[in-house]
Amino acid sequence: MSLSNNPTRQEVLNFVVTAMRKQGKLSYTVTTDGKNCKYRSEDGCKCPVGHIIPDEHYLPIFEGKRIFAIIDILENTMLNFLTNIQYCHDNNHVTTLAEFEYRLRELAMVSNLEYPELQPEAIQ
């Protein structure tokens, strides 16, 4: 599963929702300070933006940095949208996939995008 070159915000949303549903859980590491979101966690999970970063471009030094600090090739509108997706995952005290989807559904609504309905065959 991968994105096309120059995807639309709708394509990014669809991709992220499908990838996260298939994964079935969020990507984080538990520390003494709580949960820290990770692009790639030790158990192989990826955060929503982590799914967009091709494996051959991922570097461990990305961890702890915002998307705008590691990707400078995106146009501003897409970068802003990815930052908002990252915020839905990282900054809303989200602890379950259902909570993340709730936040992402709100983002889709204010962005005038259609939220992908659950397709059982897509998550198997």
PDB file of N, CA and C in Angstrom:
ATOM      1  N   MET A   1       0.855  -1.168   0.000  1.00  0.00           N
ATOM      2  CA  MET A   1       0.000   0.000   0.000  1.00  0.00           C
ATOM      3  C   MET A   1       0.903   1.234   0.000  1.00  0.00           C
ATOM      4  N   SER A   2       0.692   2.102  -0.977  1.00  0.00           N
ATOM      5  CA  SER A   2       1.490   3.323  -1.041  1.00  0.00           C
ATOM      6  C   SER A   2       0.670   4.430  -1.681  1.00  0.00           C
ATOM      7  N   LEU A   3       1.145   5.645  -1.489  1.00  0.00           N
ATOM      8  CA  LEU A   3       0.492   6.820  -2.056  1.00  0.00           C
ATOM      9  C   LEU A   3       1.061   7.124  -3.426  1.00  0.00           C
ATOM     10  N   SER A   4       0.249   7.741  -4.249  1.00  0.00           N
ATOM     11  CA  SER A   4       0.723   8.200  -5.550  1.00  0.00           C
ATOM     12  C   SER A   4       1.603   9.430  -5.356  1.00  0.00           C
ATOM     13  N   ASN A   5       2.317   9.830  -6.377  1.00  0.00           N
ATOM     14  CA  ASN A   5       3.058  11.089  -6.325  1.00  0.00           C
ATOM     15  C   ASN A   5       2.055  12.224  -6.312  1.00  0.00           C
ATOM     16  N   ASN A   6       2.318  13.245  -5.526  1.00  0.00           N
ATOM     17  CA  ASN A   6       1.445  14.415  -5.405  1.00  0.00           C
ATOM     18  C   ASN A   6      -0.005  14.045  -5.070  1.00  0.00           C
ATOM     19  N   PRO A   7      -0.207  13.318  -3.979  1.00  0.00           N
ATOM     20  CA  PRO A   7      -1.578  12.928  -3.623  1.00  0.00           C
ATOM     21  C   PRO A   7      -2.401  14.121  -3.155  1.00  0.00           C
ATOM     22  N   THR A   8      -3.705  13.992  -3.278  1.00  0.00           N
ATOM     23  CA  THR A   8      -4.612  15.006  -2.746  1.00  0.00           C
ATOM     24  C   THR A   8      -4.768  14.785  -1.252  1.00  0.00           C
ATOM     25  N   ARG A   9      -5.352  15.762  -0.565  1.00  0.00           N
ATOM     26  CA  ARG A   9      -5.618  15.590   0.870  1.00  0.00           C
ATOM     27  C   ARG A   9      -6.584  14.425   1.085  1.00  0.00           C
ATOM     28  N   GLN A  10      -7.551  14.240   0.195  1.00  0.00           N
ATOM     29  CA  GLN A  10      -8.493  13.130   0.323  1.00  0.00           C
ATOM     30  C   GLN A  10      -7.769  11.793   0.201  1.00  0.00           C
ATOM     31  N   GLU A  11      -6.832  11.689  -0.741  1.00  0.00           N
ATOM     32  CA  GLU A  11      -6.067  10.451  -0.896  1.00  0.00           C
ATOM     33  C   GLU A  11      -5.212  10.180   0.339  1.00  0.00           C
ATOM     34  N   VAL A  12      -4.621  11.224   0.907  1.00  0.00           N
ATOM     35  CA  VAL A  12      -3.819  11.063   2.126  1.00  0.00           C
ATOM     36  C   VAL A  12      -4.703  10.590   3.271  1.00  0.00           C
ATOM     37  N   LEU A  13      -5.856  11.219   3.438  1.00  0.00           N
ATOM     38  CA  LEU A  13      -6.782  10.819   4.500  1.00  0.00           C
ATOM     39  C   LEU A  13      -7.182   9.355   4.335  1.00  0.00           C
ATOM     40  N   ASN A  14      -7.588   8.965   3.137  1.00  0.00           N
ATOM     41  CA  ASN A  14      -7.991   7.579   2.878  1.00  0.00           C
ATOM     42  C   ASN A  14      -6.851   6.610   3.182  1.00  0.00           C
ATOM     43  N   PHE A  15      -5.647   6.964   2.762  1.00  0.00           N
ATOM     44  CA  PHE A  15      -4.473   6.125   2.981  1.00  0.00           C
ATOM     45  C   PHE A  15      -4.202   5.945   4.471  1.00  0.00           C
ATOM     46  N   VAL A  16      -4.197   7.054   5.203  1.00  0.00           N
ATOM     47  CA  VAL A  16      -3.900   7.016   6.638  1.00  0.00           C
ATOM     48  C   VAL A  16      -4.955   6.214   7.394  1.00  0.00           C
ATOM     49  N   VAL A  17      -6.218   6.455   7.110  1.00  0.00           N
ATOM     50  CA  VAL A  17      -7.288   5.729   7.805  1.00  0.00           C
ATOM     51  C   VAL A  17      -7.168   4.228   7.524  1.00  0.00           C
ATOM     52  N   THR A  18      -6.971   3.852   6.272  1.00  0.00           N
ATOM     53  CA  THR A  18      -6.844   2.435   5.921  1.00  0.00           C
ATOM     54  C   THR A  18      -5.637   1.802   6.604  1.00  0.00           C
ATOM     55  N   ALA A  19      -4.497   2.490   6.579  1.00  0.00           N
ATOM     56  CA  ALA A  19      -3.280   1.949   7.193  1.00  0.00           C
ATOM     57  C   ALA A  19      -3.440   1.783   8.697  1.00  0.00           C
ATOM     58  N   MET A  20      -4.029   2.769   9.349  1.00  0.00           N
ATOM     59  CA  MET A  20      -4.194   2.691  10.804  1.00  0.00           C
ATOM     60  C   MET A  20      -5.210   1.625  11.191  1.00  0.00           C
ATOM     61  N   ARG A  21      -6.284   1.498  10.419  1.00  0.00           N
ATOM     62  CA  ARG A  21      -7.264   0.443  10.709  1.00  0.00           C
ATOM     63  C   ARG A  21      -6.632  -0.932  10.540  1.00  0.00           C
ATOM     64  N   LYS A  22      -5.844  -1.096   9.493  1.00  0.00           N
ATOM     65  CA  LYS A  22      -5.200  -2.387   9.250  1.00  0.00           C
ATOM     66  C   LYS A  22      -4.205  -2.704  10.365  1.00  0.00           C
ATOM     67  N   GLN A  23      -3.472  -1.705  10.807  1.00  0.00           N
ATOM     68  CA  GLN A  23      -2.512  -1.882  11.895  1.00  0.00           C
ATOM     69  C   GLN A  23      -3.221  -2.211  13.203  1.00  0.00           C
ATOM     70  N   GLY A  24      -4.356  -1.558  13.449  1.00  0.00           N
ATOM     71  CA  GLY A  24      -5.184  -1.889  14.600  1.00  0.00           C
ATOM     72  C   GLY A  24      -4.824  -1.231  15.916  1.00  0.00           C
ATOM     73  N   LYS A  25      -3.777  -0.427  15.935  1.00  0.00           N
ATOM     74  CA  LYS A  25      -3.405   0.262  17.168  1.00  0.00           C
ATOM     75  C   LYS A  25      -2.501   1.430  16.844  1.00  0.00           C
ATOM     76  N   LEU A  26      -2.273   2.264  17.852  1.00  0.00           N
ATOM     77  CA  LEU A  26      -1.438   3.444  17.699  1.00  0.00           C
ATOM     78  C   LEU A  26       0.039   3.083  17.852  1.00  0.00           C
ATOM     79  N   SER A  27       0.902   3.998  17.480  1.00  0.00           N
ATOM     80  CA  SER A  27       2.342   3.781  17.574  1.00  0.00           C
ATOM     81  C   SER A  27       2.926   4.688  18.650  1.00  0.00           C
ATOM     82  N   TYR A  28       3.439   4.077  19.712  1.00  0.00           N
ATOM     83  CA  TYR A  28       4.038   4.864  20.786  1.00  0.00           C
ATOM     84  C   TYR A  28       4.974   3.996  21.601  1.00  0.00           C
ATOM     85  N   THR A  29       5.749   4.648  22.431  1.00  0.00           N
ATOM     86  CA  THR A  29       6.626   3.993  23.388  1.00  0.00           C
ATOM     87  C   THR A  29       6.228   4.481  24.773  1.00  0.00           C
ATOM     88  N   VAL A  30       6.150   3.568  25.716  1.00  0.00           N
ATOM     89  CA  VAL A  30       5.812   3.933  27.085  1.00  0.00           C
ATOM     90  C   VAL A  30       7.097   4.304  27.823  1.00  0.00           C
ATOM     91  N   THR A  31       7.075   5.486  28.446  1.00  0.00           N
ATOM     92  CA  THR A  31       8.219   5.955  29.231  1.00  0.00           C
ATOM     93  C   THR A  31       7.729   6.334  30.624  1.00  0.00           C
ATOM     94  N   THR A  32       8.628   6.777  31.462  1.00  0.00           N
ATOM     95  CA  THR A  32       8.227   7.212  32.796  1.00  0.00           C
ATOM     96  C   THR A  32       7.345   8.459  32.721  1.00  0.00           C
ATOM     97  N   ASP A  33       7.434   9.200  31.619  1.00  0.00           N
ATOM     98  CA  ASP A  33       6.612  10.396  31.424  1.00  0.00           C
ATOM     99  C   ASP A  33       5.266  10.086  30.797  1.00  0.00           C
ATOM    100  N   GLY A  34       5.022   8.831  30.473  1.00  0.00           N
ATOM    101  CA  GLY A  34       3.773   8.455  29.804  1.00  0.00           C
ATOM    102  C   GLY A  34       4.068   7.851  28.450  1.00  0.00           C
ATOM    103  N   LYS A  35       3.177   8.108  27.500  1.00  0.00           N
ATOM    104  CA  LYS A  35       3.335   7.564  26.160  1.00  0.00           C
ATOM    105  C   LYS A  35       3.924   8.622  25.238  1.00  0.00           C
ATOM    106  N   ASN A  36       4.941   8.225  24.492  1.00  0.00           N
ATOM    107  CA  ASN A  36       5.536   9.096  23.483  1.00  0.00           C
ATOM    108  C   ASN A  36       5.217   8.529  22.112  1.00  0.00           C
ATOM    109  N   CYS A  37       4.587   9.329  21.280  1.00  0.00           N
ATOM    110  CA  CYS A  37       4.238   8.895  19.940  1.00  0.00           C
ATOM    111  C   CYS A  37       5.505   8.702  19.117  1.00  0.00           C
ATOM    112  N   LYS A  38       5.468   7.715  18.230  1.00  0.00           N
ATOM    113  CA  LYS A  38       6.636   7.365  17.433  1.00  0.00           C
ATOM    114  C   LYS A  38       6.230   7.197  15.971  1.00  0.00           C
ATOM    115  N   TYR A  39       7.117   7.640  15.056  1.00  0.00           N
ATOM    116  CA  TYR A  39       6.900   7.354  13.634  1.00  0.00           C
ATOM    117  C   TYR A  39       6.952   5.842  13.423  1.00  0.00           C
ATOM    118  N   ARG A  40       7.920   5.207  14.082  1.00  0.00           N
ATOM    119  CA  ARG A  40       8.074   3.752  14.053  1.00  0.00           C
ATOM    120  C   ARG A  40       8.319   3.311  15.498  1.00  0.00           C
ATOM    121  N   SER A  41       7.461   2.462  16.023  1.00  0.00           N
ATOM    122  CA  SER A  41       7.665   1.986  17.390  1.00  0.00           C
ATOM    123  C   SER A  41       8.401   0.647  17.369  1.00  0.00           C
ATOM    124  N   GLU A  42       8.871   0.235  18.530  1.00  0.00           N
ATOM    125  CA  GLU A  42       9.661  -0.984  18.642  1.00  0.00           C
ATOM    126  C   GLU A  42       8.898  -2.229  18.201  1.00  0.00           C
ATOM    127  N   ASP A  43       7.556  -2.178  18.293  1.00  0.00           N
ATOM    128  CA  ASP A  43       6.764  -3.348  17.895  1.00  0.00           C
ATOM    129  C   ASP A  43       6.402  -3.338  16.409  1.00  0.00           C
ATOM    130  N   GLY A  44       6.990  -2.397  15.651  1.00  0.00           N
ATOM    131  CA  GLY A  44       6.764  -2.354  14.212  1.00  0.00           C
ATOM    132  C   GLY A  44       5.607  -1.478  13.766  1.00  0.00           C
ATOM    133  N   CYS A  45       4.885  -0.906  14.716  1.00  0.00           N
ATOM    134  CA  CYS A  45       3.764  -0.037  14.360  1.00  0.00           C
ATOM    135  C   CYS A  45       4.277   1.313  13.864  1.00  0.00           C
ATOM    136  N   LYS A  46       3.428   1.986  13.099  1.00  0.00           N
ATOM    137  CA  LYS A  46       3.746   3.310  12.584  1.00  0.00           C
ATOM    138  C   LYS A  46       2.637   4.271  12.978  1.00  0.00           C
ATOM    139  N   CYS A  47       3.007   5.523  13.192  1.00  0.00           N
ATOM    140  CA  CYS A  47       1.990   6.547  13.419  1.00  0.00           C
ATOM    141  C   CYS A  47       1.396   6.905  12.058  1.00  0.00           C
ATOM    142  N   PRO A  48       0.324   7.698  12.027  1.00  0.00           N
ATOM    143  CA  PRO A  48      -0.285   8.033  10.737  1.00  0.00           C
ATOM    144  C   PRO A  48       0.710   8.632   9.743  1.00  0.00           C
ATOM    145  N   VAL A  49       1.518   9.570  10.194  1.00  0.00           N
ATOM    146  CA  VAL A  49       2.500  10.188   9.294  1.00  0.00           C
ATOM    147  C   VAL A  49       3.624   9.198   8.997  1.00  0.00           C
ATOM    148  N   GLY A  50       3.941   8.334   9.941  1.00  0.00           N
ATOM    149  CA  GLY A  50       4.958   7.307   9.713  1.00  0.00           C
ATOM    150  C   GLY A  50       4.608   6.386   8.567  1.00  0.00           C
ATOM    151  N   HIS A  51       3.320   6.151   8.349  1.00  0.00           N
ATOM    152  CA  HIS A  51       2.888   5.331   7.212  1.00  0.00           C
ATOM    153  C   HIS A  51       3.193   6.013   5.890  1.00  0.00           C
ATOM    154  N   ILE A  52       3.264   7.320   5.893  1.00  0.00           N
ATOM    155  CA  ILE A  52       3.495   8.079   4.657  1.00  0.00           C
ATOM    156  C   ILE A  52       4.980   8.144   4.317  1.00  0.00           C
ATOM    157  N   ILE A  53       5.840   8.038   5.319  1.00  0.00           N
ATOM    158  CA  ILE A  53       7.284   8.095   5.087  1.00  0.00           C
ATOM    159  C   ILE A  53       7.731   6.739   4.530  1.00  0.00           C
ATOM    160  N   PRO A  54       8.236   6.699   3.302  1.00  0.00           N
ATOM    161  CA  PRO A  54       8.706   5.422   2.742  1.00  0.00           C
ATOM    162  C   PRO A  54       9.807   4.824   3.613  1.00  0.00           C
ATOM    163  N   ASP A  55       9.799   3.508   3.751  1.00  0.00           N
ATOM    164  CA  ASP A  55      10.781   2.837   4.601  1.00  0.00           C
ATOM    165  C   ASP A  55      12.210   3.219   4.233  1.00  0.00           C
ATOM    166  N   GLU A  56      12.474   3.371   2.943  1.00  0.00           N
ATOM    167  CA  GLU A  56      13.844   3.691   2.524  1.00  0.00           C
ATOM    168  C   GLU A  56      14.264   5.117   2.872  1.00  0.00           C
ATOM    169  N   HIS A  57      13.297   5.967   3.275  1.00  0.00           N
ATOM    170  CA  HIS A  57      13.631   7.338   3.671  1.00  0.00           C
ATOM    171  C   HIS A  57      13.580   7.559   5.182  1.00  0.00           C
ATOM    172  N   TYR A  58      13.062   6.582   5.907  1.00  0.00           N
ATOM    173  CA  TYR A  58      12.955   6.727   7.358  1.00  0.00           C
ATOM    174  C   TYR A  58      14.335   6.632   8.027  1.00  0.00           C
ATOM    175  N   LEU A  59      14.556   7.507   9.004  1.00  0.00           N
ATOM    176  CA  LEU A  59      15.763   7.461   9.828  1.00  0.00           C
ATOM    177  C   LEU A  59      15.362   7.579  11.301  1.00  0.00           C
ATOM    178  N   PRO A  60      15.986   6.828  12.183  1.00  0.00           N
ATOM    179  CA  PRO A  60      15.639   6.907  13.606  1.00  0.00           C
ATOM    180  C   PRO A  60      15.746   8.322  14.185  1.00  0.00           C
ATOM    181  N   ILE A  61      16.572   9.177  13.603  1.00  0.00           N
ATOM    182  CA  ILE A  61      16.704  10.546  14.122  1.00  0.00           C
ATOM    183  C   ILE A  61      15.437  11.371  13.919  1.00  0.00           C
ATOM    184  N   PHE A  62      14.481  10.849  13.138  1.00  0.00           N
ATOM    185  CA  PHE A  62      13.198  11.545  12.953  1.00  0.00           C
ATOM    186  C   PHE A  62      12.376  11.550  14.242  1.00  0.00           C
ATOM    187  N   GLU A  63      12.591  10.542  15.088  1.00  0.00           N
ATOM    188  CA  GLU A  63      11.777  10.397  16.295  1.00  0.00           C
ATOM    189  C   GLU A  63      11.892  11.637  17.170  1.00  0.00           C
ATOM    190  N   GLY A  64      10.762  12.069  17.681  1.00  0.00           N
ATOM    191  CA  GLY A  64      10.710  13.236  18.545  1.00  0.00           C
ATOM    192  C   GLY A  64      10.613  14.547  17.794  1.00  0.00           C
ATOM    193  N   LYS A  65      10.627  14.481  16.467  1.00  0.00           N
ATOM    194  CA  LYS A  65      10.545  15.699  15.658  1.00  0.00           C
ATOM    195  C   LYS A  65       9.206  15.758  14.937  1.00  0.00           C
ATOM    196  N   ARG A  66       8.702  16.950  14.745  1.00  0.00           N
ATOM    197  CA  ARG A  66       7.472  17.164  14.002  1.00  0.00           C
ATOM    198  C   ARG A  66       7.715  16.965  12.517  1.00  0.00           C
ATOM    199  N   ILE A  67       6.663  16.671  11.809  1.00  0.00           N
ATOM    200  CA  ILE A  67       6.757  16.408  10.372  1.00  0.00           C
ATOM    201  C   ILE A  67       7.437  17.556   9.629  1.00  0.00           C
ATOM    202  N   PHE A  68       7.140  18.787   9.997  1.00  0.00           N
ATOM    203  CA  PHE A  68       7.733  19.912   9.267  1.00  0.00           C
ATOM    204  C   PHE A  68       9.237  20.006   9.476  1.00  0.00           C
ATOM    205  N   ALA A  69       9.747  19.354  10.500  1.00  0.00           N
ATOM    206  CA  ALA A  69      11.193  19.381  10.751  1.00  0.00           C
ATOM    207  C   ALA A  69      11.940  18.313   9.963  1.00  0.00           C
ATOM    208  N   ILE A  70      11.215  17.319   9.443  1.00  0.00           N
ATOM    209  CA  ILE A  70      11.908  16.233   8.744  1.00  0.00           C
ATOM    210  C   ILE A  70      11.587  16.160   7.259  1.00  0.00           C
ATOM    211  N   ILE A  71      10.507  16.800   6.844  1.00  0.00           N
ATOM    212  CA  ILE A  71      10.138  16.744   5.430  1.00  0.00           C
ATOM    213  C   ILE A  71      10.055  18.157   4.892  1.00  0.00           C
ATOM    214  N   ASP A  72      10.943  18.468   3.988  1.00  0.00           N
ATOM    215  CA  ASP A  72      10.945  19.810   3.414  1.00  0.00           C
ATOM    216  C   ASP A  72      10.572  19.822   1.940  1.00  0.00           C
ATOM    217  N   ILE A  73      10.112  18.683   1.434  1.00  0.00           N
ATOM    218  CA  ILE A  73       9.814  18.608   0.011  1.00  0.00           C
ATOM    219  C   ILE A  73       8.334  18.764  -0.311  1.00  0.00           C
ATOM    220  N   LEU A  74       7.511  18.850   0.708  1.00  0.00           N
ATOM    221  CA  LEU A  74       6.072  18.953   0.479  1.00  0.00           C
ATOM    222  C   LEU A  74       5.650  20.403   0.327  1.00  0.00           C
ATOM    223  N   GLU A  75       4.628  20.616  -0.460  1.00  0.00           N
ATOM    224  CA  GLU A  75       4.093  21.964  -0.553  1.00  0.00           C
ATOM    225  C   GLU A  75       3.413  22.311   0.767  1.00  0.00           C
ATOM    226  N   ASN A  76       3.291  23.586   1.070  1.00  0.00           N
ATOM    227  CA  ASN A  76       2.791  24.027   2.375  1.00  0.00           C
ATOM    228  C   ASN A  76       1.412  23.502   2.710  1.00  0.00           C
ATOM    229  N   THR A  77       0.492  23.442   1.738  1.00  0.00           N
ATOM    230  CA  THR A  77      -0.861  22.986   2.066  1.00  0.00           C
ATOM    231  C   THR A  77      -0.851  21.536   2.518  1.00  0.00           C
ATOM    232  N   MET A  78      -0.060  20.677   1.873  1.00  0.00           N
ATOM    233  CA  MET A  78       0.002  19.278   2.286  1.00  0.00           C
ATOM    234  C   MET A  78       0.738  19.158   3.621  1.00  0.00           C
ATOM    235  N   LEU A  79       1.774  19.931   3.807  1.00  0.00           N
ATOM    236  CA  LEU A  79       2.510  19.897   5.066  1.00  0.00           C
ATOM    237  C   LEU A  79       1.605  20.312   6.221  1.00  0.00           C
ATOM    238  N   ASN A  80       0.799  21.336   6.025  1.00  0.00           N
ATOM    239  CA  ASN A  80      -0.152  21.756   7.062  1.00  0.00           C
ATOM    240  C   ASN A  80      -1.155  20.655   7.359  1.00  0.00           C
ATOM    241  N   PHE A  81      -1.636  19.977   6.326  1.00  0.00           N
ATOM    242  CA  PHE A  81      -2.602  18.896   6.517  1.00  0.00           C
ATOM    243  C   PHE A  81      -1.963  17.741   7.283  1.00  0.00           C
ATOM    244  N   LEU A  82      -0.740  17.362   6.927  1.00  0.00           N
ATOM    245  CA  LEU A  82      -0.051  16.288   7.642  1.00  0.00           C
ATOM    246  C   LEU A  82       0.241  16.682   9.090  1.00  0.00           C
ATOM    247  N   THR A  83       0.549  17.944   9.317  1.00  0.00           N
ATOM    248  CA  THR A  83       0.755  18.423  10.682  1.00  0.00           C
ATOM    249  C   THR A  83      -0.528  18.280  11.486  1.00  0.00           C
ATOM    250  N   ASN A  84      -1.664  18.563  10.870  1.00  0.00           N
ATOM    251  CA  ASN A  84      -2.953  18.398  11.555  1.00  0.00           C
ATOM    252  C   ASN A  84      -3.246  16.933  11.851  1.00  0.00           C
ATOM    253  N   ILE A  85      -2.905  16.040  10.923  1.00  0.00           N
ATOM    254  CA  ILE A  85      -3.082  14.609  11.172  1.00  0.00           C
ATOM    255  C   ILE A  85      -2.187  14.190  12.339  1.00  0.00           C
ATOM    256  N   GLN A  86      -0.955  14.662  12.317  1.00  0.00           N
ATOM    257  CA  GLN A  86      -0.025  14.339  13.402  1.00  0.00           C
ATOM    258  C   GLN A  86      -0.570  14.841  14.739  1.00  0.00           C
ATOM    259  N   TYR A  87      -1.152  16.019  14.743  1.00  0.00           N
ATOM    260  CA  TYR A  87      -1.724  16.583  15.964  1.00  0.00           C
ATOM    261  C   TYR A  87      -2.861  15.702  16.482  1.00  0.00           C
ATOM    262  N   CYS A  88      -3.689  15.187  15.578  1.00  0.00           N
ATOM    263  CA  CYS A  88      -4.786  14.294  15.994  1.00  0.00           C
ATOM    264  C   CYS A  88      -4.256  13.077  16.741  1.00  0.00           C
ATOM    265  N   HIS A  89      -3.101  12.591  16.343  1.00  0.00           N
ATOM    266  CA  HIS A  89      -2.507  11.397  16.951  1.00  0.00           C
ATOM    267  C   HIS A  89      -1.710  11.735  18.205  1.00  0.00           C
ATOM    268  N   ASP A  90      -0.930  12.801  18.151  1.00  0.00           N
ATOM    269  CA  ASP A  90       0.046  13.073  19.206  1.00  0.00           C
ATOM    270  C   ASP A  90      -0.453  13.952  20.343  1.00  0.00           C
ATOM    271  N   ASN A  91      -1.289  14.930  20.061  1.00  0.00           N
ATOM    272  CA  ASN A  91      -1.535  15.983  21.035  1.00  0.00           C
ATOM    273  C   ASN A  91      -2.920  15.998  21.668  1.00  0.00           C
ATOM    274  N   ASN A  92      -3.712  15.029  21.436  1.00  0.00           N
ATOM    275  CA  ASN A  92      -5.056  15.031  21.996  1.00  0.00           C
ATOM    276  C   ASN A  92      -5.238  13.991  23.091  1.00  0.00           C
ATOM    277  N   HIS A  93      -4.137  13.547  23.669  1.00  0.00           N
ATOM    278  CA  HIS A  93      -4.203  12.521  24.713  1.00  0.00           C
ATOM    279  C   HIS A  93      -4.969  11.306  24.210  1.00  0.00           C
ATOM    280  N   VAL A  94      -4.754  10.983  22.954  1.00  0.00           N
ATOM    281  CA  VAL A  94      -5.412   9.855  22.308  1.00  0.00           C
ATOM    282  C   VAL A  94      -4.724   8.577  22.755  1.00  0.00           C
ATOM    283  N   THR A  95      -5.523   7.620  23.235  1.00  0.00           N
ATOM    284  CA  THR A  95      -4.941   6.362  23.693  1.00  0.00           C
ATOM    285  C   THR A  95      -5.463   5.152  22.932  1.00  0.00           C
ATOM    286  N   THR A  96      -6.499   5.341  22.118  1.00  0.00           N
ATOM    287  CA  THR A  96      -7.041   4.220  21.349  1.00  0.00           C
ATOM    288  C   THR A  96      -7.230   4.623  19.891  1.00  0.00           C
ATOM    289  N   LEU A  97      -7.321   3.623  19.058  1.00  0.00           N
ATOM    290  CA  LEU A  97      -7.570   3.877  17.641  1.00  0.00           C
ATOM    291  C   LEU A  97      -8.923   4.545  17.447  1.00  0.00           C
ATOM    292  N   ALA A  98      -9.908   4.181  18.245  1.00  0.00           N
ATOM    293  CA  ALA A  98     -11.243   4.797  18.142  1.00  0.00           C
ATOM    294  C   ALA A  98     -11.179   6.298  18.445  1.00  0.00           C
ATOM    295  N   GLU A  99     -10.408   6.675  19.457  1.00  0.00           N
ATOM    296  CA  GLU A  99     -10.250   8.102  19.774  1.00  0.00           C
ATOM    297  C   GLU A  99      -9.543   8.841  18.642  1.00  0.00           C
ATOM    298  N   PHE A 100      -8.523   8.191  18.078  1.00  0.00           N
ATOM    299  CA  PHE A 100      -7.817   8.803  16.953  1.00  0.00           C
ATOM    300  C   PHE A 100      -8.773   9.009  15.779  1.00  0.00           C
ATOM    301  N   GLU A 101      -9.571   8.007  15.473  1.00  0.00           N
ATOM    302  CA  GLU A 101     -10.514   8.132  14.356  1.00  0.00           C
ATOM    303  C   GLU A 101     -11.536   9.235  14.622  1.00  0.00           C
ATOM    304  N   TYR A 102     -11.949   9.395  15.862  1.00  0.00           N
ATOM    305  CA  TYR A 102     -12.881  10.477  16.203  1.00  0.00           C
ATOM    306  C   TYR A 102     -12.247  11.831  15.873  1.00  0.00           C
ATOM    307  N   ARG A 103     -10.994  12.025  16.291  1.00  0.00           N
ATOM    308  CA  ARG A 103     -10.280  13.282  16.020  1.00  0.00           C
ATOM    309  C   ARG A 103     -10.056  13.467  14.521  1.00  0.00           C
ATOM    310  N   LEU A 104      -9.707  12.394  13.840  1.00  0.00           N
ATOM    311  CA  LEU A 104      -9.463  12.474  12.405  1.00  0.00           C
ATOM    312  C   LEU A 104     -10.757  12.761  11.644  1.00  0.00           C
ATOM    313  N   ARG A 105     -11.860  12.216  12.115  1.00  0.00           N
ATOM    314  CA  ARG A 105     -13.164  12.499  11.499  1.00  0.00           C
ATOM    315  C   ARG A 105     -13.487  13.997  11.627  1.00  0.00           C
ATOM    316  N   GLU A 106     -13.181  14.585  12.785  1.00  0.00           N
ATOM    317  CA  GLU A 106     -13.383  16.033  12.966  1.00  0.00           C
ATOM    318  C   GLU A 106     -12.525  16.821  11.983  1.00  0.00           C
ATOM    319  N   LEU A 107     -11.268  16.402  11.804  1.00  0.00           N
ATOM    320  CA  LEU A 107     -10.386  17.070  10.855  1.00  0.00           C
ATOM    321  C   LEU A 107     -10.948  16.971   9.436  1.00  0.00           C
ATOM    322  N   ALA A 108     -11.437  15.808   9.071  1.00  0.00           N
ATOM    323  CA  ALA A 108     -12.022  15.636   7.735  1.00  0.00           C
ATOM    324  C   ALA A 108     -13.199  16.587   7.543  1.00  0.00           C
ATOM    325  N   MET A 109     -14.022  16.710   8.567  1.00  0.00           N
ATOM    326  CA  MET A 109     -15.197  17.570   8.463  1.00  0.00           C
ATOM    327  C   MET A 109     -14.796  19.031   8.247  1.00  0.00           C
ATOM    328  N   VAL A 110     -13.858  19.546   9.034  1.00  0.00           N
ATOM    329  CA  VAL A 110     -13.468  20.952   8.886  1.00  0.00           C
ATOM    330  C   VAL A 110     -12.632  21.179   7.623  1.00  0.00           C
ATOM    331  N   SER A 111     -12.095  20.085   7.053  1.00  0.00           N
ATOM    332  CA  SER A 111     -11.307  20.189   5.821  1.00  0.00           C
ATOM    333  C   SER A 111     -12.153  19.925   4.578  1.00  0.00           C
ATOM    334  N   ASN A 112     -13.464  19.738   4.789  1.00  0.00           N
ATOM    335  CA  ASN A 112     -14.385  19.435   3.683  1.00  0.00           C
ATOM    336  C   ASN A 112     -13.979  18.186   2.910  1.00  0.00           C
ATOM    337  N   LEU A 113     -13.599  17.152   3.663  1.00  0.00           N
ATOM    338  CA  LEU A 113     -13.233  15.871   3.072  1.00  0.00           C
ATOM    339  C   LEU A 113     -14.210  14.805   3.525  1.00  0.00           C
ATOM    340  N   GLU A 114     -14.355  13.763   2.731  1.00  0.00           N
ATOM    341  CA  GLU A 114     -15.202  12.631   3.109  1.00  0.00           C
ATOM    342  C   GLU A 114     -14.387  11.678   3.964  1.00  0.00           C
ATOM    343  N   TYR A 115     -14.977  11.275   5.091  1.00  0.00           N
ATOM    344  CA  TYR A 115     -14.280  10.334   5.949  1.00  0.00           C
ATOM    345  C   TYR A 115     -14.559   8.923   5.446  1.00  0.00           C
ATOM    346  N   PRO A 116     -13.509   8.124   5.233  1.00  0.00           N
ATOM    347  CA  PRO A 116     -13.712   6.774   4.699  1.00  0.00           C
ATOM    348  C   PRO A 116     -14.502   5.893   5.657  1.00  0.00           C
ATOM    349  N   GLU A 117     -15.517   5.280   5.134  1.00  0.00           N
ATOM    350  CA  GLU A 117     -16.301   4.330   5.925  1.00  0.00           C
ATOM    351  C   GLU A 117     -15.523   3.032   6.076  1.00  0.00           C
ATOM    352  N   LEU A 118     -15.819   2.313   7.100  1.00  0.00           N
ATOM    353  CA  LEU A 118     -15.133   1.057   7.378  1.00  0.00           C
ATOM    354  C   LEU A 118     -15.460   0.039   6.298  1.00  0.00           C
ATOM    355  N   GLN A 119     -14.433  -0.493   5.683  1.00  0.00           N
ATOM    356  CA  GLN A 119     -14.554  -1.552   4.684  1.00  0.00           C
ATOM    357  C   GLN A 119     -13.898  -2.787   5.278  1.00  0.00           C
ATOM    358  N   PRO A 120     -14.689  -3.760   5.754  1.00  0.00           N
ATOM    359  CA  PRO A 120     -14.089  -4.924   6.438  1.00  0.00           C
ATOM    360  C   PRO A 120     -12.975  -5.602   5.648  1.00  0.00           C
ATOM    361  N   GLU A 121     -13.114  -5.694   4.341  1.00  0.00           N
ATOM    362  CA  GLU A 121     -12.076  -6.370   3.549  1.00  0.00           C
ATOM    363  C   GLU A 121     -10.772  -5.572   3.523  1.00  0.00           C
ATOM    364  N   ALA A 122     -10.837  -4.268   3.803  1.00  0.00           N
ATOM    365  CA  ALA A 122      -9.648  -3.435   3.757  1.00  0.00           C
ATOM    366  C   ALA A 122      -8.759  -3.622   4.985  1.00  0.00           C
ATOM    367  N   ILE A 123      -9.284  -4.189   6.055  1.00  0.00           N
ATOM    368  CA  ILE A 123      -8.493  -4.316   7.277  1.00  0.00           C
ATOM    369  C   ILE A 123      -8.085  -5.756   7.576  1.00  0.00           C
ATOM    370  N   GLN A 124      -8.378  -6.652   6.687  1.00  0.00           N
ATOM    371  CA  GLN A 124      -8.013  -8.044   6.926  1.00  0.00           C
ATOM    372  C   GLN A 124      -6.584  -8.318   6.571  1.00  0.00           C
TER     373      GLN A 124
END
